[in-house]
Each structure stands twice: as C-alpha cells, then as structure tokens.
Amino acid sequence: MRVVTDLSSSPWPGERTVITIGAYDGVHRGHQAVIAEVRRRAEASGARSAVVTFDRHPASVVRPENAPRLLTDLDQKLELLAATGIDATVVVRFDEEQSREDPSRFAQRVLVDCLAVSAVVVGDDFHFGHGREGNVSTLRELGAIRDFEVLPLELVGRNDGPDEPISSTAIRRAMAGGQVELAATLLGHAFEARGIVVQGDQRGRLLGFPTANVEVPIAICLPADGVYAGWYLRPDGSRHACAINLGRRPTFYEHAEHSLLEAHLLDFSGDLYGEAARVEFTHFLRSERKFDGIDALIGQLKNDIDHARTVLAD
C-alpha cells in the first residue's frame, strides 16, 4: 500500500480513483465493508483505490476537551488499512487551518485536483469540512459538475443485539465496560495496545510474577481496569501468551494517578526493557480489587495466570 502525504500533485497522473473518506479509527468491520466496496468498484472500472484519512482525529483539533481516546494510532491505522488491500492511503494533515476549510474547497482540492476521483464511497451519515457542513448532498452537487459519482452505503449493523451500526463509539463503549471480546467482534480483530516497556517498581518480580510495564500513550483508549488474558507480540515477531493487569494497584496505592498496563508473559524469561510492545486483549478475567495482604494477592495472581492459560489454550 502506498502512503500519500503530498497533495500538491496526483499520485497517479492520468488515472482515476475510487475513494472513501473518514477518520477510520480502529478500521472496524464497518470500515472494512466500505473499503471492500471501494476496491470492488475500482477493480471493475480499472481505477485506483484509496482511503482519505487524517493524521489525527479531527475532534482533537475542533473540540479537544471532548476528543475521544483513539482505538489506533496512525501507524496502527496504516497497517490495518494496508491489510485491506487498498492501493493507497492519503493522509491529510488536520490542523486549525484544515478545520476551517470549506467542504467544497476540500473536495475540489483533495478529491478532484489531487485524486481525480471517479467515485466516492461513504456511509450514508457522512459529514466533512468546516463545522461538518459537508454531507452526501454536498458531494453529489460537486460530483455533478466534476464528473464523479457519490455512493452512500447503509452502515453495517451489529449482530449482538443492539439495533445500531458498528461504530468506533460503540467499540469504545464496549472497552469502557471491559468487554474486550465484544470489541474484537466489532473490530474484526483483537484490540491491541502499543507502547514501550519501561522500568516499574519491580514489585511483580518480588512477588514471583515479573511483568512488562508497557507505557501506552495517553491518547489511546484502553479497556476498563481489570485483569485480562491476551498475547504479547515482540518486535522479533514472537507471540507470547500473557496475563494482563490494567489498573491502579489499590493493594499498594491509595490514589494512583493513572492506570498501568502490566503483562506477565507465561513461561517466559528474558529482558524486555526498552522494547516496543504490542499487547492484544482477548479475554476479560475479573475486575480490579484491593486485597487484604500480600498472601491473598499472590494466591489470586496464581489463579489469574491459571485462568489465562486455560482460556488462551482454548
């Protein structure tokens, strides 16, 4: 997949494109369905396929006080988009100036002048441009003048009960309840947190359960505090079963400032400090709680590890 950041000229001079536009946070199953339609139409017409997205979530600029935590950082998003088989992802820098751009001007500059679109595939609730003033009708008006189609798609519904479409918001809501299994169903892949392994207080090692303390950027959405089973992926490509504690360690701290992600790799011994870690959350095991003493905590940790081993083996 080609990553395009220079919008001053066409990445494919003389060729048309079929595209979709959006934040694409998480690249969930709804996103994947739209991209599949983009690819299908591009292949049928001999055009290039592309996703137009942004280098940060637009809400972080236009309403930072209410901006959502991200399901994926930009690197993760690009990796997930590449896995869809799309020809290119066009990354638009979203800053204060971009946030004020008129929808028609954005469409002309990016879709027409840079990408020579022949079709735009979007969800039927699509909005864009300053104040979210642009919508499907805006695109259709410009398309009638600039020779491109606009193809709104009905959003992909959930199969787990609620009569609502799959969305990044619904996935964040599942995560806030510790429902990582549901989040994975909506995403189409396990939720993965990334960060650098940093030195902690080494209490896990003293208790007999050494952990990798993974420092996750504050902008990233994490599940609710609790204990989970999952997988730790190292930079060398190896994959290790792990028990994950995410929380504020109430047995030792009365008021910790923030939650800490600690992964205990099963049947592993080695130095992980300083490496880039990827931690997949696959099963919720229990909520975080305060224990009466070290012995009670150690007993529960043994149970957690046995539980993690069992669910991961299944």
Protein backbone atom coordinates (compact mmCIF):
# COMPACT_ATOMS: atom_id res chain seq x y z
CA MET A 1 0.00 0.00 0.00
CA ARG A 2 1.22 3.47 -0.89
CA VAL A 3 1.03 6.22 1.76
CA VAL A 4 0.43 9.65 0.19
CA THR A 5 1.06 12.82 2.18
CA ASP A 6 1.88 15.28 -0.63
CA LEU A 7 -1.43 16.55 -2.01
CA SER A 8 0.10 19.07 -4.41
CA SER A 9 0.10 16.61 -7.31
CA SER A 10 -1.60 13.39 -8.34
CA PRO A 11 -0.03 10.15 -7.08
CA TRP A 12 -1.20 8.52 -10.33
CA PRO A 13 -1.11 11.12 -13.13
CA GLY A 14 -3.73 10.47 -15.78
CA GLU A 15 -5.56 7.81 -13.74
CA ARG A 16 -8.90 7.99 -11.95
CA THR A 17 -9.55 6.80 -8.39
CA VAL A 18 -12.36 5.37 -6.32
CA ILE A 19 -12.05 6.57 -2.73
CA THR A 20 -13.61 6.77 0.70
CA ILE A 21 -13.04 9.43 3.36
CA GLY A 22 -13.06 9.30 7.15
CA ALA A 23 -11.19 9.15 10.44
CA TYR A 24 -11.15 5.34 10.20
CA ASP A 25 -10.22 4.95 13.87
CA GLY A 26 -9.89 1.24 14.58
CA VAL A 27 -10.54 0.19 10.96
CA HIS A 28 -13.50 -1.82 12.26
CA ARG A 29 -15.84 -4.14 10.36
CA GLY A 30 -17.99 -1.25 9.15
CA HIS A 31 -14.92 0.48 7.73
CA GLN A 32 -13.78 -2.78 6.16
CA ALA A 33 -17.12 -3.16 4.35
CA VAL A 34 -16.82 0.33 2.84
CA ILE A 35 -13.24 -0.32 1.74
CA ALA A 36 -14.25 -3.64 0.18
CA GLU A 37 -16.81 -1.77 -1.92
CA VAL A 38 -14.19 0.82 -2.89
CA ARG A 39 -11.86 -1.94 -4.09
CA ARG A 40 -14.64 -3.74 -5.96
CA ARG A 41 -15.67 -0.62 -7.86
CA ALA A 42 -12.08 0.39 -8.57
CA GLU A 43 -11.24 -3.04 -9.99
CA ALA A 44 -14.40 -3.06 -12.11
CA SER A 45 -13.60 0.33 -13.64
CA GLY A 46 -9.81 0.00 -13.91
CA ALA A 47 -9.28 2.78 -11.37
CA ARG A 48 -7.01 3.07 -8.33
CA SER A 49 -8.48 2.56 -4.83
CA ALA A 50 -7.70 4.84 -1.90
CA VAL A 51 -8.72 5.82 1.61
CA VAL A 52 -8.52 9.51 2.51
CA THR A 53 -7.95 9.92 6.24
CA PHE A 54 -6.28 12.31 8.70
CA ASP A 55 -3.05 12.35 10.67
CA ARG A 56 -5.02 12.84 13.90
CA HIS A 57 -8.66 12.61 14.94
CA PRO A 58 -10.40 15.83 13.79
CA ALA A 59 -12.07 16.15 17.19
CA SER A 60 -8.65 16.61 18.81
CA VAL A 61 -8.45 19.94 16.97
CA VAL A 62 -12.04 21.20 16.79
CA ARG A 63 -13.16 20.10 20.29
CA PRO A 64 -10.10 18.85 22.19
CA GLU A 65 -11.89 18.86 25.54
CA ASN A 66 -14.27 16.17 24.23
CA ALA A 67 -11.99 14.34 21.82
CA PRO A 68 -12.31 10.54 22.09
CA ARG A 69 -9.40 8.32 23.04
CA LEU A 70 -8.08 6.55 19.93
CA LEU A 71 -8.52 2.87 19.17
CA THR A 72 -5.46 3.03 16.90
CA ASP A 73 -2.59 5.44 16.48
CA LEU A 74 -1.63 6.49 12.95
CA ASP A 75 0.91 3.69 12.46
CA GLN A 76 -1.60 1.04 13.54
CA LYS A 77 -4.27 2.54 11.33
CA LEU A 78 -1.98 2.47 8.31
CA GLU A 79 -1.08 -1.16 8.99
CA LEU A 80 -4.73 -2.17 9.24
CA LEU A 81 -5.60 -0.23 6.09
CA ALA A 82 -2.73 -1.89 4.22
CA ALA A 83 -4.16 -5.29 5.22
CA THR A 84 -7.42 -4.47 3.38
CA GLY A 85 -5.58 -4.49 0.04
CA ILE A 86 -6.30 -0.84 -0.75
CA ASP A 87 -3.91 0.76 -3.26
CA ALA A 88 -3.14 3.82 -1.15
CA THR A 89 -3.98 5.77 1.97
CA VAL A 90 -3.94 9.53 1.57
CA VAL A 91 -3.09 11.17 4.91
CA VAL A 92 -4.35 14.75 5.25
CA ARG A 93 -2.75 16.90 7.94
CA PHE A 94 -5.58 18.09 10.18
CA ASP A 95 -4.75 21.35 11.93
CA GLU A 96 -6.56 24.59 12.74
CA GLU A 97 -6.30 25.77 9.14
CA GLN A 98 -7.65 22.49 7.80
CA SER A 99 -10.53 22.58 10.27
CA ARG A 100 -11.70 25.88 8.76
CA GLU A 101 -11.63 24.71 5.14
CA ASP A 102 -14.92 24.93 3.29
CA PRO A 103 -16.30 21.46 2.36
CA SER A 104 -16.49 22.29 -1.35
CA ARG A 105 -12.94 23.64 -1.32
CA PHE A 106 -11.68 20.48 0.42
CA ALA A 107 -13.44 18.25 -2.10
CA GLN A 108 -12.08 20.24 -5.04
CA ARG A 109 -8.50 20.33 -3.71
CA VAL A 110 -8.18 16.74 -2.49
CA LEU A 111 -10.71 14.68 -4.42
CA VAL A 112 -10.69 16.41 -7.78
CA ASP A 113 -7.34 18.16 -8.19
CA CYS A 114 -5.17 15.55 -6.43
CA LEU A 115 -7.01 12.26 -6.84
CA ALA A 116 -9.16 12.71 -9.97
CA VAL A 117 -11.94 10.71 -8.35
CA SER A 118 -14.45 8.79 -10.41
CA ALA A 119 -16.47 7.65 -7.38
CA VAL A 120 -16.66 8.38 -3.64
CA VAL A 121 -17.99 5.63 -1.36
CA VAL A 122 -19.09 6.74 2.11
CA GLY A 123 -21.51 5.80 4.86
CA ASP A 124 -24.93 7.39 4.45
CA ASP A 125 -24.34 9.56 7.57
CA PHE A 126 -21.10 11.03 6.18
CA HIS A 127 -20.16 14.64 7.09
CA PHE A 128 -16.98 16.62 6.42
CA GLY A 129 -15.45 20.09 6.25
CA HIS A 130 -15.77 23.13 8.48
CA GLY A 131 -18.50 22.64 11.07
CA ARG A 132 -19.34 19.28 9.46
CA GLU A 133 -21.30 21.30 6.92
CA GLY A 134 -20.47 18.96 4.05
CA ASN A 135 -22.51 15.80 3.51
CA VAL A 136 -23.58 13.38 0.80
CA SER A 137 -25.64 16.10 -0.92
CA THR A 138 -22.63 18.44 -0.97
CA LEU A 139 -20.53 15.77 -2.64
CA ARG A 140 -23.25 14.98 -5.16
CA GLU A 141 -23.53 18.63 -6.17
CA LEU A 142 -19.81 18.82 -6.82
CA GLY A 143 -19.79 15.41 -8.46
CA ALA A 144 -22.40 16.53 -11.00
CA ILE A 145 -20.04 19.32 -12.02
CA ARG A 146 -16.71 17.49 -11.73
CA ASP A 147 -17.74 14.11 -13.13
CA PHE A 148 -17.70 11.73 -10.19
CA GLU A 149 -20.31 9.52 -8.54
CA VAL A 150 -21.22 9.53 -4.87
CA LEU A 151 -22.22 6.15 -3.47
CA PRO A 152 -23.62 6.25 0.08
CA LEU A 153 -23.75 2.86 1.82
CA GLU A 154 -26.02 1.77 4.64
CA LEU A 155 -23.93 1.34 7.77
CA VAL A 156 -23.07 -2.22 8.83
CA GLY A 157 -25.28 -3.33 11.70
CA ARG A 158 -24.27 -5.20 14.82
CA ASN A 159 -25.19 -8.85 15.29
CA ASP A 160 -25.03 -8.89 19.09
CA GLY A 161 -28.45 -7.43 19.92
CA PRO A 162 -28.45 -3.60 19.81
CA ASP A 163 -30.18 -2.16 16.77
CA GLU A 164 -27.34 0.18 15.85
CA PRO A 165 -24.47 0.24 13.38
CA ILE A 166 -20.92 -0.76 14.16
CA SER A 167 -19.01 2.37 15.11
CA SER A 168 -15.83 3.46 16.85
CA THR A 169 -18.06 4.96 19.57
CA ALA A 170 -19.77 1.60 20.20
CA ILE A 171 -16.35 -0.08 20.43
CA ARG A 172 -15.11 2.49 22.95
CA ARG A 173 -18.26 1.89 24.97
CA ALA A 174 -17.57 -1.87 24.99
CA MET A 175 -13.99 -1.20 26.08
CA ALA A 176 -15.16 1.04 28.91
CA GLY A 177 -17.12 -1.94 30.24
CA GLY A 178 -14.18 -4.32 29.91
CA GLN A 179 -15.95 -6.14 27.07
CA VAL A 180 -12.86 -6.84 25.00
CA GLU A 181 -14.46 -9.89 23.39
CA LEU A 182 -17.31 -7.71 22.09
CA ALA A 183 -14.83 -5.04 20.98
CA ALA A 184 -12.95 -7.69 18.98
CA THR A 185 -16.19 -8.84 17.34
CA LEU A 186 -16.99 -5.28 16.25
CA LEU A 187 -13.43 -4.52 15.21
CA GLY A 188 -12.91 -7.77 13.33
CA HIS A 189 -9.63 -8.18 15.22
CA ALA A 190 -8.47 -8.12 18.84
CA PHE A 191 -7.89 -4.71 20.41
CA GLU A 192 -4.16 -4.05 20.59
CA ALA A 193 -2.36 -1.55 22.81
CA ARG A 194 1.17 -0.46 21.95
CA GLY A 195 3.90 1.16 23.97
CA ILE A 196 7.45 0.97 25.25
CA VAL A 197 8.40 -1.36 28.10
CA VAL A 198 9.63 0.83 30.95
CA GLN A 199 11.10 0.12 34.36
CA GLY A 200 8.49 -0.04 37.11
CA ASP A 201 8.75 -0.61 40.84
CA GLN A 202 9.62 -4.30 40.16
CA ARG A 203 7.03 -5.41 42.70
CA GLY A 204 5.82 -8.14 40.34
CA ARG A 205 9.28 -9.67 40.29
CA LEU A 206 9.42 -9.61 44.11
CA LEU A 207 6.03 -11.35 44.24
CA GLY A 208 7.26 -14.02 41.84
CA PHE A 209 5.31 -12.75 38.83
CA PRO A 210 7.56 -10.44 36.77
CA THR A 211 5.71 -8.16 34.38
CA ALA A 212 6.47 -5.94 31.42
CA ASN A 213 5.26 -2.45 32.26
CA VAL A 214 4.02 -1.06 28.96
CA GLU A 215 3.78 2.73 28.76
CA VAL A 216 0.82 3.43 26.46
CA PRO A 217 0.34 6.99 25.14
CA ILE A 218 -2.43 8.83 26.99
CA ALA A 219 -4.33 9.48 23.75
CA ILE A 220 -5.00 5.75 23.31
CA CYS A 221 -8.23 4.16 24.52
CA LEU A 222 -7.73 1.29 26.96
CA PRO A 223 -10.24 -1.19 28.40
CA ALA A 224 -11.64 -0.79 31.90
CA ASP A 225 -9.28 -1.53 34.77
CA GLY A 226 -9.13 -5.25 35.42
CA VAL A 227 -7.32 -8.47 34.65
CA TYR A 228 -7.31 -9.90 31.13
CA ALA A 229 -5.80 -12.70 29.12
CA GLY A 230 -4.12 -11.94 25.84
CA TRP A 231 -0.99 -12.01 23.75
CA TYR A 232 2.27 -10.09 23.89
CA LEU A 233 3.91 -9.54 20.49
CA ARG A 234 7.64 -8.76 20.46
CA PRO A 235 9.50 -6.85 17.72
CA ASP A 236 11.13 -10.11 16.60
CA GLY A 237 7.68 -11.43 15.63
CA SER A 238 7.35 -13.88 18.52
CA ARG A 239 3.96 -14.15 20.21
CA HIS A 240 3.59 -14.95 23.91
CA ALA A 241 0.52 -15.83 25.96
CA CYS A 242 0.14 -13.42 28.86
CA ALA A 243 -1.96 -12.38 31.82
CA ILE A 244 -2.56 -8.63 31.76
CA ASN A 245 -3.23 -6.39 34.74
CA LEU A 246 -4.57 -2.97 33.87
CA GLY A 247 -5.19 -0.73 36.84
CA ARG A 248 -4.05 1.43 39.72
CA ARG A 249 -2.83 -1.35 42.05
CA PRO A 250 -5.13 -0.50 45.00
CA THR A 251 -3.47 -3.08 47.27
CA PHE A 252 -0.33 -0.90 47.26
CA TYR A 253 -1.52 2.60 46.34
CA GLU A 254 -4.35 4.61 47.84
CA HIS A 255 -4.57 7.09 44.96
CA ALA A 256 -2.51 6.21 41.88
CA GLU A 257 -2.53 8.95 39.23
CA HIS A 258 -3.20 6.68 36.27
CA SER A 259 -3.72 3.07 35.28
CA LEU A 260 -0.68 0.94 34.48
CA LEU A 261 -0.59 -1.84 31.90
CA GLU A 262 1.43 -4.82 33.18
CA ALA A 263 1.80 -8.01 31.14
CA HIS A 264 3.06 -11.24 32.70
CA LEU A 265 4.33 -13.47 29.89
CA LEU A 266 3.59 -17.12 30.60
CA ASP A 267 6.59 -19.44 30.64
CA PHE A 268 8.98 -16.66 29.61
CA SER A 269 12.24 -15.42 31.00
CA GLY A 270 14.16 -12.54 29.46
CA ASP A 271 14.82 -8.81 29.37
CA LEU A 272 12.06 -6.77 27.71
CA TYR A 273 13.09 -3.28 28.86
CA GLY A 274 13.08 -0.63 26.18
CA GLU A 275 11.41 -2.70 23.50
CA ALA A 276 8.27 -1.73 21.59
CA ALA A 277 5.47 -3.96 22.87
CA ARG A 278 2.14 -4.88 21.31
CA VAL A 279 -0.43 -6.27 23.72
CA GLU A 280 -3.64 -7.90 22.47
CA PHE A 281 -6.58 -8.10 24.88
CA THR A 282 -8.64 -11.21 24.17
CA HIS A 283 -10.49 -12.22 27.38
CA PHE A 284 -11.76 -10.35 30.45
CA LEU A 285 -10.96 -12.36 33.59
CA ARG A 286 -12.01 -10.18 36.52
CA SER A 287 -12.31 -6.63 37.81
CA GLU A 288 -9.52 -4.98 39.75
CA ARG A 289 -9.85 -5.08 43.53
CA LYS A 290 -7.93 -4.42 46.70
CA PHE A 291 -6.58 -7.38 48.66
CA ASP A 292 -6.13 -7.67 52.42
CA GLY A 293 -2.48 -8.64 52.17
CA ILE A 294 0.36 -9.96 50.04
CA ASP A 295 -0.55 -13.62 50.53
CA ALA A 296 -4.11 -13.05 49.32
CA LEU A 297 -2.81 -11.15 46.31
CA ILE A 298 -0.27 -13.88 45.43
CA GLY A 299 -2.99 -16.51 45.65
CA GLN A 300 -5.21 -14.52 43.29
CA LEU A 301 -2.36 -13.92 40.86
CA LYS A 302 -1.77 -17.68 40.65
CA ASN A 303 -5.47 -18.16 39.89
CA ASP A 304 -5.38 -15.39 37.27
CA ILE A 305 -2.43 -16.98 35.48
CA ASP A 306 -4.07 -20.41 35.52
CA HIS A 307 -7.28 -18.85 34.18
CA ALA A 308 -5.39 -17.01 31.44
CA ARG A 309 -3.56 -20.19 30.47
CA THR A 310 -6.86 -22.07 30.19
CA VAL A 311 -8.76 -19.54 28.08
CA LEU A 312 -5.81 -18.95 25.77
CA ALA A 313 -5.31 -22.69 25.26
CA ASP A 314 -8.97 -22.93 24.16
